[in-house]
N, C-alpha and C. Protein backbone atom coordinates (compact mmCIF):
# COMPACT_ATOMS: atom_id res chain seq x y z
N MET A 1 0.85 -1.16 0.00
CA MET A 1 0.00 0.00 0.00
C MET A 1 0.90 1.23 0.00
N VAL A 2 0.59 2.16 -0.87
CA VAL A 2 1.37 3.39 -0.94
C VAL A 2 0.56 4.52 -0.29
N PRO A 3 1.24 5.51 0.29
CA PRO A 3 0.54 6.61 0.94
C PRO A 3 -0.29 7.42 -0.05
N LEU A 4 -1.37 8.00 0.46
CA LEU A 4 -2.19 8.90 -0.35
C LEU A 4 -1.33 10.06 -0.83
N GLY A 5 -1.43 10.38 -2.10
CA GLY A 5 -0.65 11.47 -2.68
C GLY A 5 0.67 11.03 -3.28
N ALA A 6 1.08 9.78 -3.05
CA ALA A 6 2.34 9.29 -3.61
C ALA A 6 2.14 8.92 -5.08
N ILE A 7 3.20 8.94 -5.83
CA ILE A 7 3.15 8.50 -7.22
C ILE A 7 2.94 6.99 -7.23
N MET A 8 1.94 6.57 -7.98
CA MET A 8 1.61 5.14 -8.02
C MET A 8 2.08 4.54 -9.33
N THR A 9 2.49 3.29 -9.26
CA THR A 9 2.86 2.54 -10.46
C THR A 9 1.88 1.39 -10.61
N GLU A 10 2.05 0.62 -11.66
CA GLU A 10 1.16 -0.50 -11.92
C GLU A 10 1.13 -1.44 -10.71
N ASN A 11 -0.05 -1.89 -10.36
CA ASN A 11 -0.31 -2.82 -9.25
C ASN A 11 -0.20 -2.18 -7.86
N ASP A 12 0.07 -0.88 -7.76
CA ASP A 12 0.06 -0.20 -6.46
C ASP A 12 -1.38 0.07 -6.05
N VAL A 13 -1.63 0.09 -4.76
CA VAL A 13 -2.94 0.47 -4.22
C VAL A 13 -2.71 1.47 -3.10
N ASN A 14 -3.70 2.35 -2.90
CA ASN A 14 -3.58 3.28 -1.78
C ASN A 14 -4.71 3.07 -0.77
N GLN A 15 -5.47 1.98 -0.96
CA GLN A 15 -6.52 1.64 0.00
C GLN A 15 -6.74 0.13 -0.01
N VAL A 16 -6.96 -0.42 1.18
CA VAL A 16 -7.29 -1.83 1.33
C VAL A 16 -8.63 -1.90 2.05
N VAL A 17 -9.48 -2.82 1.62
CA VAL A 17 -10.80 -2.97 2.24
C VAL A 17 -10.89 -4.35 2.88
N PHE A 18 -11.26 -4.37 4.16
CA PHE A 18 -11.52 -5.61 4.88
C PHE A 18 -13.02 -5.72 5.08
N THR A 19 -13.56 -6.94 4.95
CA THR A 19 -14.98 -7.16 5.15
C THR A 19 -15.16 -8.21 6.24
N TYR A 20 -16.02 -7.90 7.22
CA TYR A 20 -16.32 -8.81 8.32
C TYR A 20 -17.81 -9.07 8.34
N PHE A 21 -18.20 -10.30 8.61
CA PHE A 21 -19.59 -10.65 8.86
C PHE A 21 -19.70 -10.96 10.35
N VAL A 22 -20.61 -10.24 11.03
CA VAL A 22 -20.68 -10.31 12.48
C VAL A 22 -22.11 -10.66 12.90
N ASP A 23 -22.25 -11.61 13.82
CA ASP A 23 -23.56 -11.93 14.39
C ASP A 23 -23.96 -10.84 15.38
N VAL A 24 -25.23 -10.47 15.34
CA VAL A 24 -25.76 -9.42 16.21
C VAL A 24 -27.04 -9.95 16.84
N SER A 25 -27.21 -9.71 18.12
CA SER A 25 -28.45 -10.12 18.79
C SER A 25 -29.63 -9.35 18.23
N GLU A 26 -30.76 -10.02 18.12
CA GLU A 26 -31.95 -9.37 17.60
C GLU A 26 -32.32 -8.19 18.49
N GLY A 27 -32.67 -7.07 17.88
CA GLY A 27 -33.01 -5.87 18.63
C GLY A 27 -31.82 -4.97 18.92
N TYR A 28 -30.66 -5.32 18.39
CA TYR A 28 -29.45 -4.54 18.62
C TYR A 28 -28.84 -4.10 17.29
N ASP A 29 -28.12 -3.00 17.33
CA ASP A 29 -27.30 -2.54 16.22
C ASP A 29 -25.84 -2.82 16.56
N LEU A 30 -24.99 -2.74 15.57
CA LEU A 30 -23.56 -3.01 15.77
C LEU A 30 -22.76 -1.75 15.56
N LYS A 31 -21.86 -1.49 16.47
CA LYS A 31 -20.89 -0.40 16.34
C LYS A 31 -19.50 -1.04 16.23
N ALA A 32 -18.66 -0.48 15.39
CA ALA A 32 -17.32 -1.03 15.18
C ALA A 32 -16.29 0.08 15.33
N SER A 33 -15.14 -0.27 15.88
CA SER A 33 -14.05 0.70 16.03
C SER A 33 -12.72 -0.04 15.90
N VAL A 34 -11.66 0.74 15.78
CA VAL A 34 -10.31 0.20 15.62
C VAL A 34 -9.46 0.66 16.80
N SER A 35 -8.59 -0.22 17.28
CA SER A 35 -7.64 0.14 18.34
C SER A 35 -6.33 -0.61 18.10
N ASP A 36 -5.35 -0.35 18.93
CA ASP A 36 -4.05 -1.05 18.90
C ASP A 36 -3.44 -1.06 17.49
N VAL A 37 -3.29 0.12 16.91
CA VAL A 37 -2.72 0.24 15.57
C VAL A 37 -1.19 0.26 15.70
N ASN A 38 -0.55 -0.68 15.03
CA ASN A 38 0.91 -0.82 15.14
C ASN A 38 1.55 -1.12 13.80
N PHE A 39 2.84 -0.81 13.71
CA PHE A 39 3.68 -1.24 12.60
C PHE A 39 4.75 -2.14 13.19
N THR A 40 5.11 -3.20 12.47
CA THR A 40 6.19 -4.08 12.90
C THR A 40 7.25 -4.11 11.82
N LYS A 41 8.48 -3.87 12.26
CA LYS A 41 9.63 -3.89 11.34
C LYS A 41 10.80 -4.51 12.08
N ASN A 42 11.44 -5.49 11.45
CA ASN A 42 12.58 -6.20 12.05
C ASN A 42 12.24 -6.72 13.44
N ASN A 43 11.04 -7.29 13.58
CA ASN A 43 10.56 -7.88 14.84
C ASN A 43 10.40 -6.85 15.96
N VAL A 44 10.34 -5.57 15.63
CA VAL A 44 10.10 -4.52 16.62
C VAL A 44 8.75 -3.89 16.31
N LYS A 45 7.90 -3.76 17.33
CA LYS A 45 6.56 -3.20 17.16
C LYS A 45 6.58 -1.72 17.54
N TYR A 46 6.01 -0.89 16.65
CA TYR A 46 5.91 0.55 16.86
C TYR A 46 4.45 0.95 16.86
N ALA A 47 4.01 1.65 17.88
CA ALA A 47 2.65 2.16 17.90
C ALA A 47 2.52 3.26 16.85
N ASP A 48 1.35 3.33 16.22
CA ASP A 48 1.10 4.35 15.21
C ASP A 48 0.76 5.67 15.89
N ASP A 49 1.72 6.24 16.60
CA ASP A 49 1.52 7.49 17.33
C ASP A 49 1.30 8.68 16.40
N HIS A 50 1.72 8.56 15.15
CA HIS A 50 1.61 9.67 14.19
C HIS A 50 0.35 9.56 13.33
N GLU A 51 -0.49 8.56 13.65
CA GLU A 51 -1.73 8.33 12.91
C GLU A 51 -1.50 8.26 11.40
N LEU A 52 -0.54 7.43 11.02
CA LEU A 52 -0.25 7.24 9.61
C LEU A 52 -1.32 6.40 8.92
N LEU A 53 -1.92 5.47 9.64
CA LEU A 53 -3.01 4.69 9.06
C LEU A 53 -4.33 5.40 9.33
N MET A 54 -5.16 5.48 8.28
CA MET A 54 -6.49 6.08 8.40
C MET A 54 -7.52 4.98 8.19
N PHE A 55 -8.61 5.06 8.97
CA PHE A 55 -9.65 4.06 8.90
C PHE A 55 -11.00 4.72 8.68
N SER A 56 -11.79 4.09 7.84
CA SER A 56 -13.19 4.48 7.64
C SER A 56 -13.99 3.19 7.76
N ILE A 57 -15.07 3.23 8.55
CA ILE A 57 -15.83 2.02 8.83
C ILE A 57 -17.29 2.23 8.46
N ASP A 58 -17.86 1.28 7.70
CA ASP A 58 -19.28 1.27 7.37
C ASP A 58 -19.88 -0.03 7.86
N VAL A 59 -21.00 0.07 8.58
CA VAL A 59 -21.71 -1.11 9.07
C VAL A 59 -23.05 -1.20 8.34
N GLU A 60 -23.29 -2.36 7.74
CA GLU A 60 -24.53 -2.60 7.00
C GLU A 60 -25.26 -3.75 7.67
N LYS A 61 -26.45 -3.50 8.17
CA LYS A 61 -27.25 -4.54 8.83
C LYS A 61 -27.81 -5.47 7.76
N ILE A 62 -27.67 -6.78 7.98
CA ILE A 62 -28.19 -7.80 7.07
C ILE A 62 -29.22 -8.61 7.86
N GLY A 63 -30.47 -8.35 7.65
CA GLY A 63 -31.49 -9.05 8.42
C GLY A 63 -31.48 -8.59 9.87
N ASP A 64 -32.07 -9.41 10.74
CA ASP A 64 -32.19 -9.04 12.16
C ASP A 64 -30.99 -9.42 13.01
N THR A 65 -30.16 -10.36 12.52
CA THR A 65 -29.11 -10.89 13.39
C THR A 65 -27.72 -10.93 12.77
N LYS A 66 -27.53 -10.21 11.69
CA LYS A 66 -26.20 -10.20 11.05
C LYS A 66 -25.87 -8.79 10.60
N ALA A 67 -24.58 -8.50 10.55
CA ALA A 67 -24.09 -7.23 10.03
C ALA A 67 -22.87 -7.48 9.17
N LYS A 68 -22.73 -6.66 8.16
CA LYS A 68 -21.56 -6.70 7.28
C LYS A 68 -20.79 -5.41 7.55
N VAL A 69 -19.52 -5.56 7.92
CA VAL A 69 -18.70 -4.41 8.29
C VAL A 69 -17.59 -4.25 7.26
N PHE A 70 -17.51 -3.06 6.68
CA PHE A 70 -16.45 -2.72 5.74
C PHE A 70 -15.47 -1.80 6.44
N VAL A 71 -14.19 -2.15 6.41
CA VAL A 71 -13.14 -1.33 7.00
C VAL A 71 -12.20 -0.90 5.88
N TYR A 72 -12.17 0.40 5.60
CA TYR A 72 -11.32 0.96 4.55
C TYR A 72 -10.06 1.51 5.22
N VAL A 73 -8.91 1.01 4.80
CA VAL A 73 -7.64 1.40 5.41
C VAL A 73 -6.78 2.08 4.35
N SER A 74 -6.27 3.25 4.68
CA SER A 74 -5.34 3.95 3.79
C SER A 74 -4.19 4.50 4.62
N LEU A 75 -3.18 4.97 3.94
CA LEU A 75 -1.95 5.39 4.58
C LEU A 75 -1.67 6.85 4.27
N ASN A 76 -1.49 7.65 5.34
CA ASN A 76 -1.10 9.04 5.16
C ASN A 76 0.36 9.12 4.71
N MET A 77 0.69 10.19 4.03
CA MET A 77 2.07 10.44 3.61
C MET A 77 2.91 10.73 4.86
N PRO A 78 4.03 10.04 5.03
CA PRO A 78 4.91 10.35 6.17
C PRO A 78 5.42 11.79 6.07
N GLU A 79 5.51 12.44 7.23
CA GLU A 79 5.92 13.85 7.25
C GLU A 79 7.38 14.04 7.65
N SER A 80 8.05 12.96 8.03
CA SER A 80 9.45 13.08 8.44
C SER A 80 10.22 11.86 7.94
N GLU A 81 11.52 11.98 7.93
CA GLU A 81 12.38 10.86 7.55
C GLU A 81 12.20 9.69 8.52
N GLU A 82 12.01 10.00 9.80
CA GLU A 82 11.79 8.95 10.81
C GLU A 82 10.53 8.15 10.50
N GLU A 83 9.42 8.82 10.16
CA GLU A 83 8.19 8.12 9.80
C GLU A 83 8.38 7.30 8.54
N TYR A 84 9.05 7.86 7.56
CA TYR A 84 9.31 7.16 6.30
C TYR A 84 10.10 5.89 6.54
N GLN A 85 11.16 5.97 7.34
CA GLN A 85 12.00 4.79 7.61
C GLN A 85 11.22 3.73 8.39
N MET A 86 10.33 4.15 9.28
CA MET A 86 9.54 3.20 10.03
C MET A 86 8.58 2.45 9.09
N LEU A 87 8.02 3.13 8.12
CA LEU A 87 7.07 2.52 7.20
C LEU A 87 7.71 1.57 6.19
N MET A 88 8.87 1.93 5.68
CA MET A 88 9.51 1.14 4.63
C MET A 88 9.75 -0.30 5.11
N GLY A 89 9.11 -1.26 4.45
CA GLY A 89 9.32 -2.66 4.76
C GLY A 89 8.62 -3.14 6.02
N SER A 90 7.71 -2.35 6.57
CA SER A 90 7.02 -2.77 7.79
C SER A 90 5.68 -3.40 7.45
N SER A 91 5.09 -4.06 8.42
CA SER A 91 3.73 -4.57 8.29
C SER A 91 2.86 -3.86 9.32
N ALA A 92 1.60 -3.70 9.00
CA ALA A 92 0.68 -3.00 9.89
C ALA A 92 -0.29 -3.99 10.52
N SER A 93 -0.72 -3.69 11.73
CA SER A 93 -1.73 -4.50 12.39
C SER A 93 -2.66 -3.59 13.18
N PHE A 94 -3.88 -4.07 13.41
CA PHE A 94 -4.84 -3.32 14.21
C PHE A 94 -5.85 -4.31 14.77
N ARG A 95 -6.56 -3.87 15.80
CA ARG A 95 -7.58 -4.70 16.45
C ARG A 95 -8.95 -4.11 16.11
N MET A 96 -9.86 -4.97 15.67
CA MET A 96 -11.24 -4.56 15.43
C MET A 96 -12.05 -4.81 16.69
N ASN A 97 -12.86 -3.83 17.06
CA ASN A 97 -13.74 -3.94 18.23
C ASN A 97 -15.18 -3.83 17.76
N PHE A 98 -16.02 -4.76 18.19
CA PHE A 98 -17.42 -4.77 17.83
C PHE A 98 -18.26 -4.68 19.11
N HIS A 99 -19.22 -3.77 19.12
CA HIS A 99 -20.07 -3.56 20.28
C HIS A 99 -21.53 -3.54 19.83
N GLN A 100 -22.36 -4.26 20.55
CA GLN A 100 -23.79 -4.22 20.27
C GLN A 100 -24.42 -3.09 21.09
N VAL A 101 -25.32 -2.36 20.47
CA VAL A 101 -26.06 -1.30 21.17
C VAL A 101 -27.54 -1.50 20.90
N GLU A 102 -28.32 -1.35 21.94
CA GLU A 102 -29.76 -1.56 21.82
C GLU A 102 -30.37 -0.57 20.83
N GLN A 103 -31.24 -1.08 19.97
CA GLN A 103 -31.91 -0.21 19.01
C GLN A 103 -32.87 0.72 19.74
N ILE A 104 -32.97 1.93 19.24
CA ILE A 104 -33.87 2.91 19.86
C ILE A 104 -35.15 3.02 19.07
């Protein structure tokens, strides 16, 4: 994945989409959020303190007891040499959190 605004070549992408199917109790809606965003490089984990990864989440209710969650992930352009070096050759990870909330 290349940062937004970077020059792209063939087969480059600047967004990745993850899709989750989640069971939901009848009478509830689903809320989703992201936490524990990290980069790992050379077996060292770095917290994404500079918010280089951006997330957009859409929840689509499917029937009374299922939801389809789309998580759009993109990468901000690094603003310093330190951020650039951390990103080069690293892998990203994050935790998805799902919460049921009673329908109103």
